[in-house]
C-alpha atoms as a PDB file:
ATOM      1  CA  MET A   1    -110.209  41.909 -51.865  1.00  0.00           C
ATOM      2  CA  ARG A   2    -110.052  42.888 -55.312  1.00  0.00           C
ATOM      3  CA  ASP A   3    -113.427  43.161 -57.731  1.00  0.00           C
ATOM      4  CA  GLY A   4    -115.136  41.214 -55.027  1.00  0.00           C
ATOM      5  CA  SER A   5    -113.254  38.033 -55.939  1.00  0.00           C
ATOM      6  CA  ASN A   6    -110.753  36.111 -53.427  1.00  0.00           C
ATOM      7  CA  ILE A   7    -107.734  37.989 -54.734  1.00  0.00           C
ATOM      8  CA  PRO A   8    -106.579  40.400 -51.812  1.00  0.00           C
ATOM      9  CA  THR A   9    -105.418  44.013 -52.727  1.00  0.00           C
ATOM     10  CA  GLY A  10    -101.888  44.772 -52.819  1.00  0.00           C
ATOM     11  CA  THR A  11    -100.955  41.432 -54.609  1.00  0.00           C
ATOM     12  CA  ILE A  12     -99.767  40.581 -58.131  1.00  0.00           C
ATOM     13  CA  ASN A  13    -101.204  37.571 -60.111  1.00  0.00           C
ATOM     14  CA  ILE A  14     -98.786  34.693 -60.972  1.00  0.00           C
ATOM     15  CA  GLU A  15     -98.929  33.853 -64.548  1.00  0.00           C
ATOM     16  CA  GLY A  16    -100.124  30.492 -65.035  1.00  0.00           C
ATOM     17  CA  GLU A  17    -101.505  30.105 -61.616  1.00  0.00           C
ATOM     18  CA  ARG A  18    -105.188  30.481 -61.106  1.00  0.00           C
ATOM     19  CA  ASP A  19    -105.218  30.539 -57.002  1.00  0.00           C
ATOM     20  CA  LEU A  20    -101.878  31.815 -56.120  1.00  0.00           C
ATOM     21  CA  VAL A  21    -100.707  35.726 -56.071  1.00  0.00           C
ATOM     22  CA  ARG A  22     -97.927  37.314 -54.588  1.00  0.00           C
ATOM     23  CA  ASP A  23     -98.330  39.836 -51.874  1.00  0.00           C
ATOM     24  CA  ARG A  24     -96.309  43.244 -53.204  1.00  0.00           C
ATOM     25  CA  ASN A  25     -94.698  44.019 -49.669  1.00  0.00           C
ATOM     26  CA  SER A  26     -93.628  40.562 -48.156  1.00  0.00           C
ATOM     27  CA  LYS A  27     -93.419  38.986 -51.781  1.00  0.00           C
ATOM     28  CA  ALA A  28     -95.049  36.049 -50.002  1.00  0.00           C
ATOM     29  CA  LEU A  29     -96.888  33.752 -52.065  1.00  0.00           C
ATOM     30  CA  LEU A  30    -100.888  33.552 -51.144  1.00  0.00           C
ATOM     31  CA  ASN A  31    -103.259  30.923 -52.033  1.00  0.00           C
ATOM     32  CA  THR A  32    -106.754  32.319 -52.851  1.00  0.00           C
ATOM     33  CA  ASN A  33    -108.579  29.057 -53.169  1.00  0.00           C
ATOM     34  CA  LEU A  34    -110.853  29.330 -50.094  1.00  0.00           C
ATOM     35  CA  GLU A  35    -112.435  25.538 -50.823  1.00  0.00           C
ATOM     36  CA  SER A  36    -109.024  24.053 -50.427  1.00  0.00           C
ATOM     37  CA  LEU A  37    -108.545  25.859 -47.139  1.00  0.00           C
ATOM     38  CA  LYS A  38    -111.995  24.787 -45.734  1.00  0.00           C
ATOM     39  CA  ALA A  39    -110.878  21.346 -46.877  1.00  0.00           C
ATOM     40  CA  TYR A  40    -107.151  21.658 -45.478  1.00  0.00           C
ATOM     41  CA  LYS A  41    -108.813  22.829 -41.879  1.00  0.00           C
ATOM     42  CA  ILE A  42    -111.130  19.709 -41.915  1.00  0.00           C
ATOM     43  CA  LYS A  43    -108.553  17.495 -42.391  1.00  0.00           C
ATOM     44  CA  ARG A  44    -106.136  19.113 -40.013  1.00  0.00           C
ATOM     45  CA  ASN A  45    -108.920  18.871 -37.311  1.00  0.00           C
ATOM     46  CA  ALA A  46    -109.464  15.434 -38.271  1.00  0.00           C
ATOM     47  CA  ASN A  47    -105.973  14.551 -37.784  1.00  0.00           C
ATOM     48  CA  LEU A  48    -105.794  16.324 -34.180  1.00  0.00           C
ATOM     49  CA  LYS A  49    -108.794  14.471 -33.098  1.00  0.00           C
ATOM     50  CA  ILE A  50    -106.716  11.182 -34.216  1.00  0.00           C
ATOM     51  CA  LEU A  51    -103.911  12.465 -32.253  1.00  0.00           C
ATOM     52  CA  GLU A  52    -105.869  12.907 -29.233  1.00  0.00           C
ATOM     53  CA  TYR A  53    -107.575   9.797 -29.386  1.00  0.00           C
ATOM     54  CA  GLU A  54    -104.297   7.872 -29.727  1.00  0.00           C
ATOM     55  CA  ASN A  55    -103.194   9.728 -26.784  1.00  0.00           C
ATOM     56  CA  ASP A  56    -106.330   8.756 -24.733  1.00  0.00           C
ATOM     57  CA  ILE A  57    -105.727   5.171 -25.759  1.00  0.00           C
ATOM     58  CA  ASN A  58    -102.168   5.059 -24.719  1.00  0.00           C
ATOM     59  CA  THR A  59    -103.077   6.627 -21.178  1.00  0.00           C
ATOM     60  CA  LEU A  60    -105.543   4.210 -20.823  1.00  0.00           C
ATOM     61  CA  LYS A  61    -103.135   1.200 -21.768  1.00  0.00           C
ATOM     62  CA  THR A  62    -100.632   2.612 -19.169  1.00  0.00           C
ATOM     63  CA  GLU A  63    -103.337   2.812 -16.453  1.00  0.00           C
ATOM     64  CA  ILE A  64    -104.838  -0.535 -17.106  1.00  0.00           C
ATOM     65  CA  VAL A  65    -100.932  -2.113 -16.799  1.00  0.00           C
ATOM     66  CA  GLU A  66    -100.586  -0.003 -13.238  1.00  0.00           C
ATOM     67  CA  ILE A  67    -103.845  -1.414 -12.314  1.00  0.00           C
ATOM     68  CA  ARG A  68    -102.781  -5.205 -13.278  1.00  0.00           C
ATOM     69  CA  ASN A  69     -99.619  -4.720 -11.450  1.00  0.00           C
ATOM     70  CA  MET A  70    -101.781  -3.383  -8.087  1.00  0.00           C
ATOM     71  CA  ILE A  71    -104.080  -6.422  -8.698  1.00  0.00           C
ATOM     72  CA  GLU A  72    -101.202  -8.740  -8.751  1.00  0.00           C
ATOM     73  CA  ILE A  73     -99.547  -7.227  -5.449  1.00  0.00           C
ATOM     74  CA  LEU A  74    -102.674  -7.418  -3.578  1.00  0.00           C
ATOM     75  CA  VAL A  75    -103.338 -10.980  -4.728  1.00  0.00           C
ATOM     76  CA  ASN A  76     -99.610 -11.989  -4.013  1.00  0.00           C
ATOM     77  CA  LYS A  77    -100.376 -10.452  -0.235  1.00  0.00           C
ATOM     78  CA  ILE A  78    -103.693 -12.411   0.254  1.00  0.00           C
ATOM     79  CA  THR A  79    -102.199 -15.946  -0.805  1.00  0.00           C
END
């Protein structure tokens, strides 16, 4: 980092962009705003949790259908 800031060494400032720099070697654009990175990671983790919950719910739905089918088979055998 340069000058104790969030700007990595070996980068070029982008005119008119406060949070963007260009890497001298790879020419990649880099975002130096650590707060936006933190917010992105929090949102990404929340979205991953939601996907995990959706998968769990879908698994439970499938298992309930299977249990209902088994109960129906058992009831039909008894009657």
